[in-house]
N, C-alpha and C. Protein backbone atom coordinates (compact mmCIF):
# COMPACT_ATOMS: atom_id res chain seq x y z
N MET A 1 109.14 101.27 93.93
CA MET A 1 109.04 101.23 92.49
C MET A 1 110.43 101.23 91.87
N ALA A 2 110.50 100.76 90.67
CA ALA A 2 111.76 100.84 89.94
C ALA A 2 112.10 102.32 89.73
N PHE A 3 113.39 102.64 89.69
CA PHE A 3 113.79 104.03 89.51
C PHE A 3 113.86 104.41 88.04
N GLY A 4 114.40 103.56 87.20
CA GLY A 4 114.61 103.89 85.80
C GLY A 4 113.34 103.88 84.98
N GLY A 5 113.13 104.93 84.20
CA GLY A 5 112.01 104.98 83.26
C GLY A 5 110.64 105.13 83.89
N MET A 6 110.58 105.57 85.12
CA MET A 6 109.30 105.66 85.82
C MET A 6 108.97 107.09 86.25
N ASP A 7 109.60 108.08 85.62
CA ASP A 7 109.44 109.46 86.06
C ASP A 7 108.00 109.96 85.97
N GLU A 8 107.31 109.63 84.89
CA GLU A 8 105.92 110.10 84.75
C GLU A 8 105.01 109.45 85.78
N LEU A 9 105.21 108.17 86.04
CA LEU A 9 104.42 107.48 87.06
C LEU A 9 104.74 108.07 88.43
N LYS A 10 106.01 108.25 88.72
CA LYS A 10 106.42 108.85 90.00
C LYS A 10 105.74 110.20 90.20
N ALA A 11 105.74 111.04 89.18
CA ALA A 11 105.13 112.36 89.27
C ALA A 11 103.63 112.25 89.56
N GLU A 12 102.96 111.31 88.93
CA GLU A 12 101.52 111.13 89.13
C GLU A 12 101.23 110.64 90.55
N ILE A 13 102.04 109.72 91.04
CA ILE A 13 101.87 109.24 92.41
C ILE A 13 102.10 110.37 93.40
N GLU A 14 103.18 111.12 93.21
CA GLU A 14 103.48 112.23 94.11
C GLU A 14 102.35 113.26 94.11
N SER A 15 101.81 113.55 92.95
CA SER A 15 100.72 114.51 92.85
C SER A 15 99.49 114.03 93.61
N ALA A 16 99.15 112.76 93.45
CA ALA A 16 97.99 112.20 94.15
C ALA A 16 98.19 112.23 95.66
N VAL A 17 99.38 111.88 96.10
CA VAL A 17 99.66 111.86 97.54
C VAL A 17 99.60 113.28 98.11
N ARG A 18 100.22 114.23 97.43
CA ARG A 18 100.18 115.63 97.90
C ARG A 18 98.76 116.18 97.93
N SER A 19 97.98 115.87 96.90
CA SER A 19 96.63 116.43 96.82
C SER A 19 95.72 115.90 97.92
N THR A 20 96.10 114.79 98.54
CA THR A 20 95.29 114.23 99.63
C THR A 20 95.80 114.65 101.00
N GLY A 21 96.85 115.49 101.02
CA GLY A 21 97.33 116.01 102.29
C GLY A 21 98.45 115.23 102.94
N TYR A 22 99.13 114.40 102.16
CA TYR A 22 100.25 113.62 102.69
C TYR A 22 101.53 114.00 101.94
N LYS A 23 102.67 113.66 102.53
CA LYS A 23 103.96 113.98 101.94
C LYS A 23 104.56 112.73 101.31
N PRO A 24 104.74 112.72 99.99
CA PRO A 24 105.34 111.55 99.34
C PRO A 24 106.85 111.54 99.52
N LEU A 25 107.43 110.36 99.53
CA LEU A 25 108.88 110.24 99.58
C LEU A 25 109.31 108.97 98.85
N ARG A 26 110.19 109.14 97.88
CA ARG A 26 110.89 108.01 97.28
C ARG A 26 112.35 108.18 97.68
N ILE A 27 112.98 107.11 98.06
CA ILE A 27 114.28 107.18 98.73
C ILE A 27 115.34 107.92 97.93
N ASP A 28 115.26 107.91 96.62
CA ASP A 28 116.28 108.63 95.85
C ASP A 28 116.10 110.15 95.92
N ASP A 29 115.02 110.60 96.56
CA ASP A 29 114.81 112.03 96.77
C ASP A 29 115.17 112.46 98.19
N ALA A 30 115.60 111.53 99.02
CA ALA A 30 115.89 111.81 100.43
C ALA A 30 117.38 112.04 100.65
N GLU A 31 117.68 112.84 101.64
CA GLU A 31 119.06 113.03 102.09
C GLU A 31 119.23 112.23 103.37
N TYR A 32 120.26 111.42 103.44
CA TYR A 32 120.48 110.58 104.62
C TYR A 32 121.92 110.11 104.65
N LEU A 33 122.32 109.55 105.75
CA LEU A 33 123.63 108.93 105.91
C LEU A 33 123.42 107.44 106.11
N GLY A 34 124.41 106.65 105.73
CA GLY A 34 124.32 105.22 105.96
C GLY A 34 123.79 104.48 104.75
N GLY A 35 123.40 103.25 104.98
CA GLY A 35 122.95 102.38 103.91
C GLY A 35 121.54 102.69 103.44
N VAL A 36 121.30 102.47 102.16
CA VAL A 36 120.00 102.78 101.58
C VAL A 36 118.90 101.90 102.18
N MET A 37 119.16 100.62 102.40
CA MET A 37 118.11 99.76 102.96
C MET A 37 117.76 100.16 104.38
N ASP A 38 118.77 100.57 105.16
CA ASP A 38 118.48 101.05 106.51
C ASP A 38 117.54 102.24 106.46
N GLU A 39 117.79 103.15 105.51
CA GLU A 39 116.96 104.35 105.40
C GLU A 39 115.56 104.00 104.89
N ILE A 40 115.47 103.11 103.92
CA ILE A 40 114.15 102.70 103.42
C ILE A 40 113.31 102.12 104.55
N LEU A 41 113.89 101.21 105.32
CA LEU A 41 113.15 100.58 106.41
C LEU A 41 112.78 101.60 107.49
N ALA A 42 113.68 102.54 107.77
CA ALA A 42 113.37 103.59 108.75
C ALA A 42 112.20 104.45 108.26
N GLN A 43 112.20 104.80 106.97
CA GLN A 43 111.12 105.61 106.43
C GLN A 43 109.80 104.84 106.41
N ILE A 44 109.85 103.56 106.10
CA ILE A 44 108.62 102.75 106.13
C ILE A 44 108.04 102.75 107.54
N ARG A 45 108.89 102.60 108.55
CA ARG A 45 108.42 102.59 109.94
C ARG A 45 107.68 103.88 110.31
N GLU A 46 108.03 104.98 109.66
CA GLU A 46 107.42 106.29 109.95
C GLU A 46 106.21 106.59 109.07
N SER A 47 105.86 105.69 108.18
CA SER A 47 104.82 105.96 107.18
C SER A 47 103.42 105.60 107.67
N LYS A 48 102.44 106.38 107.22
CA LYS A 48 101.03 106.05 107.46
C LYS A 48 100.60 104.94 106.51
N PHE A 49 101.13 104.98 105.28
CA PHE A 49 100.87 103.95 104.28
C PHE A 49 102.03 103.95 103.29
N VAL A 50 102.10 102.87 102.51
CA VAL A 50 103.14 102.70 101.50
C VAL A 50 102.46 102.40 100.18
N ILE A 51 102.95 103.00 99.12
CA ILE A 51 102.50 102.66 97.77
C ILE A 51 103.62 101.84 97.14
N ALA A 52 103.30 100.62 96.75
CA ALA A 52 104.30 99.70 96.20
C ALA A 52 103.93 99.36 94.77
N ASP A 53 104.73 99.82 93.81
CA ASP A 53 104.48 99.49 92.42
C ASP A 53 105.20 98.19 92.08
N LEU A 54 104.44 97.16 91.77
CA LEU A 54 104.96 95.81 91.54
C LEU A 54 105.36 95.55 90.09
N THR A 55 105.33 96.58 89.27
CA THR A 55 105.72 96.46 87.86
C THR A 55 107.13 95.88 87.76
N ASN A 56 107.29 94.93 86.87
CA ASN A 56 108.57 94.26 86.61
C ASN A 56 109.05 93.37 87.75
N ASN A 57 108.15 93.08 88.70
CA ASN A 57 108.46 92.13 89.77
C ASN A 57 109.79 92.41 90.46
N ARG A 58 109.97 93.64 90.87
CA ARG A 58 111.19 94.03 91.57
C ARG A 58 111.19 93.41 92.97
N GLY A 59 112.18 92.56 93.24
CA GLY A 59 112.26 91.87 94.52
C GLY A 59 112.29 92.82 95.70
N GLY A 60 113.00 93.94 95.56
CA GLY A 60 113.07 94.91 96.64
C GLY A 60 111.71 95.49 96.98
N VAL A 61 110.89 95.71 95.97
CA VAL A 61 109.56 96.28 96.21
C VAL A 61 108.71 95.28 97.00
N TYR A 62 108.77 94.01 96.61
CA TYR A 62 108.03 92.98 97.35
C TYR A 62 108.52 92.91 98.80
N TYR A 63 109.84 92.97 98.99
CA TYR A 63 110.42 92.93 100.33
C TYR A 63 109.93 94.10 101.17
N GLU A 64 110.01 95.29 100.61
CA GLU A 64 109.62 96.50 101.34
C GLU A 64 108.13 96.50 101.65
N ALA A 65 107.32 96.05 100.71
CA ALA A 65 105.87 95.96 100.95
C ALA A 65 105.58 94.95 102.06
N GLY A 66 106.25 93.81 102.02
CA GLY A 66 106.06 92.81 103.07
C GLY A 66 106.52 93.31 104.43
N PHE A 67 107.60 94.07 104.46
CA PHE A 67 108.09 94.67 105.70
C PHE A 67 107.01 95.59 106.28
N ALA A 68 106.42 96.42 105.43
CA ALA A 68 105.36 97.33 105.88
C ALA A 68 104.18 96.55 106.42
N VAL A 69 103.75 95.55 105.69
CA VAL A 69 102.61 94.73 106.14
C VAL A 69 102.91 94.09 107.49
N GLY A 70 104.13 93.59 107.64
CA GLY A 70 104.53 92.99 108.91
C GLY A 70 104.47 93.95 110.08
N LEU A 71 104.64 95.23 109.80
CA LEU A 71 104.55 96.26 110.84
C LEU A 71 103.12 96.77 111.02
N GLY A 72 102.20 96.26 110.22
CA GLY A 72 100.81 96.73 110.29
C GLY A 72 100.57 98.02 109.52
N ILE A 73 101.49 98.37 108.64
CA ILE A 73 101.35 99.58 107.82
C ILE A 73 100.68 99.20 106.51
N PRO A 74 99.56 99.81 106.18
CA PRO A 74 98.84 99.45 104.95
C PRO A 74 99.67 99.73 103.70
N VAL A 75 99.50 98.86 102.71
CA VAL A 75 100.19 98.99 101.43
C VAL A 75 99.16 99.11 100.32
N ILE A 76 99.32 100.11 99.48
CA ILE A 76 98.51 100.25 98.27
C ILE A 76 99.34 99.68 97.13
N PRO A 77 99.00 98.49 96.64
CA PRO A 77 99.78 97.91 95.55
C PRO A 77 99.31 98.43 94.19
N THR A 78 100.28 98.74 93.34
CA THR A 78 99.98 99.19 91.99
C THR A 78 100.84 98.39 91.02
N CYS A 79 100.47 98.39 89.77
CA CYS A 79 101.30 97.78 88.73
C CYS A 79 100.78 98.20 87.36
N ARG A 80 101.66 98.08 86.37
CA ARG A 80 101.24 98.36 85.00
C ARG A 80 100.20 97.33 84.61
N LYS A 81 99.18 97.75 83.89
CA LYS A 81 98.02 96.91 83.59
C LYS A 81 98.38 95.58 82.96
N ASP A 82 99.35 95.57 82.05
CA ASP A 82 99.68 94.31 81.37
C ASP A 82 100.32 93.29 82.32
N HIS A 83 100.70 93.71 83.52
CA HIS A 83 101.27 92.79 84.51
C HIS A 83 100.19 92.02 85.27
N LEU A 84 98.93 92.29 84.92
CA LEU A 84 97.83 91.51 85.48
C LEU A 84 97.45 90.35 84.56
N ASP A 85 97.99 90.37 83.34
CA ASP A 85 97.73 89.31 82.37
C ASP A 85 98.78 88.21 82.52
N ASP A 86 98.48 87.06 81.96
CA ASP A 86 99.47 85.98 81.97
C ASP A 86 100.70 86.42 81.20
N GLY A 87 101.85 86.01 81.67
CA GLY A 87 103.10 86.35 81.00
C GLY A 87 104.24 86.36 81.99
N THR A 88 105.41 86.62 81.49
CA THR A 88 106.59 86.56 82.34
C THR A 88 106.64 87.67 83.38
N ASN A 89 105.98 88.78 83.14
CA ASN A 89 105.99 89.90 84.10
C ASN A 89 104.77 89.93 85.01
N ARG A 90 103.91 88.93 84.93
CA ARG A 90 102.71 88.92 85.76
C ARG A 90 103.11 89.03 87.24
N VAL A 91 102.35 89.81 87.99
CA VAL A 91 102.63 89.93 89.42
C VAL A 91 102.56 88.54 90.06
N HIS A 92 103.33 88.36 91.10
CA HIS A 92 103.43 87.06 91.77
C HIS A 92 102.05 86.59 92.24
N PHE A 93 101.82 85.28 92.17
CA PHE A 93 100.49 84.76 92.51
C PHE A 93 100.08 85.05 93.94
N ASP A 94 101.04 85.25 94.84
CA ASP A 94 100.72 85.54 96.23
C ASP A 94 100.06 86.91 96.42
N VAL A 95 100.16 87.79 95.43
CA VAL A 95 99.56 89.12 95.56
C VAL A 95 98.47 89.37 94.53
N GLN A 96 98.19 88.40 93.68
CA GLN A 96 97.19 88.60 92.62
C GLN A 96 95.79 88.83 93.18
N HIS A 97 95.53 88.37 94.39
CA HIS A 97 94.21 88.54 94.99
C HIS A 97 94.00 89.93 95.58
N LEU A 98 95.06 90.72 95.69
CA LEU A 98 94.96 92.05 96.29
C LEU A 98 94.23 93.01 95.35
N ASN A 99 93.70 94.05 95.92
CA ASN A 99 93.01 95.08 95.15
C ASN A 99 94.05 96.03 94.54
N LEU A 100 94.70 95.53 93.49
CA LEU A 100 95.77 96.28 92.82
C LEU A 100 95.20 97.43 92.00
N LEU A 101 95.86 98.56 92.04
CA LEU A 101 95.51 99.68 91.16
C LEU A 101 96.40 99.58 89.92
N ALA A 102 95.78 99.30 88.80
CA ALA A 102 96.53 99.16 87.56
C ALA A 102 96.65 100.51 86.86
N TRP A 103 97.76 100.69 86.17
CA TRP A 103 97.98 101.92 85.42
C TRP A 103 98.43 101.59 84.00
N GLU A 104 98.17 102.55 83.11
CA GLU A 104 98.62 102.46 81.72
C GLU A 104 99.36 103.75 81.41
N THR A 105 100.44 103.63 80.67
CA THR A 105 101.29 104.77 80.37
C THR A 105 100.51 105.93 79.76
N ASP A 106 99.57 105.64 78.89
CA ASP A 106 98.83 106.70 78.21
C ASP A 106 97.59 107.16 78.99
N LYS A 107 97.41 106.64 80.20
CA LYS A 107 96.25 107.01 81.02
C LYS A 107 96.67 107.28 82.47
N LEU A 108 97.83 107.89 82.65
CA LEU A 108 98.34 108.10 84.00
C LEU A 108 97.50 109.06 84.82
N SER A 109 96.89 110.05 84.18
CA SER A 109 96.07 110.99 84.97
C SER A 109 94.85 110.29 85.55
N ALA A 110 94.27 109.35 84.82
CA ALA A 110 93.14 108.58 85.35
C ALA A 110 93.60 107.71 86.52
N PHE A 111 94.78 107.13 86.40
CA PHE A 111 95.35 106.35 87.49
C PHE A 111 95.56 107.25 88.71
N GLY A 112 96.11 108.44 88.51
CA GLY A 112 96.34 109.36 89.61
C GLY A 112 95.06 109.69 90.35
N LYS A 113 93.98 109.88 89.62
CA LYS A 113 92.68 110.18 90.25
C LYS A 113 92.19 108.97 91.05
N ARG A 114 92.36 107.77 90.51
CA ARG A 114 91.96 106.56 91.25
C ARG A 114 92.79 106.39 92.52
N LEU A 115 94.09 106.68 92.42
CA LEU A 115 94.95 106.59 93.59
C LEU A 115 94.54 107.63 94.64
N GLU A 116 94.26 108.81 94.19
CA GLU A 116 93.80 109.86 95.09
C GLU A 116 92.52 109.42 95.81
N ASN A 117 91.57 108.87 95.06
CA ASN A 117 90.32 108.39 95.66
C ASN A 117 90.57 107.27 96.65
N ARG A 118 91.50 106.37 96.32
CA ARG A 118 91.81 105.25 97.22
C ARG A 118 92.37 105.79 98.54
N ILE A 119 93.30 106.72 98.45
CA ILE A 119 93.92 107.29 99.66
C ILE A 119 92.86 107.97 100.51
N LEU A 120 92.03 108.80 99.90
CA LEU A 120 91.00 109.51 100.66
C LEU A 120 89.98 108.56 101.27
N SER A 121 89.60 107.53 100.53
CA SER A 121 88.60 106.58 101.02
C SER A 121 89.12 105.75 102.19
N VAL A 122 90.37 105.37 102.12
CA VAL A 122 90.92 104.47 103.15
C VAL A 122 91.51 105.24 104.33
N PHE A 123 92.22 106.34 104.07
CA PHE A 123 92.95 107.03 105.13
C PHE A 123 92.38 108.39 105.49
N GLY A 124 91.51 108.94 104.63
CA GLY A 124 91.01 110.28 104.85
C GLY A 124 92.04 111.32 104.45
N ARG A 125 91.66 112.57 104.54
CA ARG A 125 92.56 113.65 104.17
C ARG A 125 93.68 113.76 105.19
N GLY A 126 94.88 113.95 104.69
CA GLY A 126 96.06 114.07 105.54
C GLY A 126 96.16 115.45 106.18
N PRO A 127 97.19 115.63 107.00
CA PRO A 127 97.30 116.88 107.76
C PRO A 127 97.85 118.07 106.98
N LEU A 128 98.41 117.84 105.80
CA LEU A 128 99.02 118.93 105.04
C LEU A 128 97.98 119.61 104.15
N PRO A 129 98.11 120.93 103.94
CA PRO A 129 97.16 121.62 103.06
C PRO A 129 97.38 121.18 101.61
N PRO A 130 96.31 121.20 100.81
CA PRO A 130 96.47 120.85 99.40
C PRO A 130 97.42 121.83 98.71
N PRO A 131 98.13 121.36 97.68
CA PRO A 131 99.04 122.27 96.95
C PRO A 131 98.27 123.43 96.34
N ALA A 132 98.93 124.56 96.27
CA ALA A 132 98.29 125.77 95.73
C ALA A 132 98.24 125.70 94.22
């Protein structure tokens, strides 16, 4: 996902992931040595699944999602709802057929619940205890 201006979405995604028993990680929250892309790819290799927010058509997000798919790691694609409509920010046609989880800024808690349900339905409960 884009880093700038996405704090509320990030928090909602992290909450949904934690509540299902998994540990969320966005690279700017990690401590590591070396190049950022090396670390992103290393973390993807260790992931059970990846959540890729396609909002604003960030090339890096598409690259990272494709890398995960190439490794056989499932990707949950998300995007801001207006990016499903025609326009300059519409998600790329190659991914429009995917079961995208759309979000709206004023309805992030509903999105978080849908994301939580998607994770539980597809992957089951993770090994970590739910947050207290």
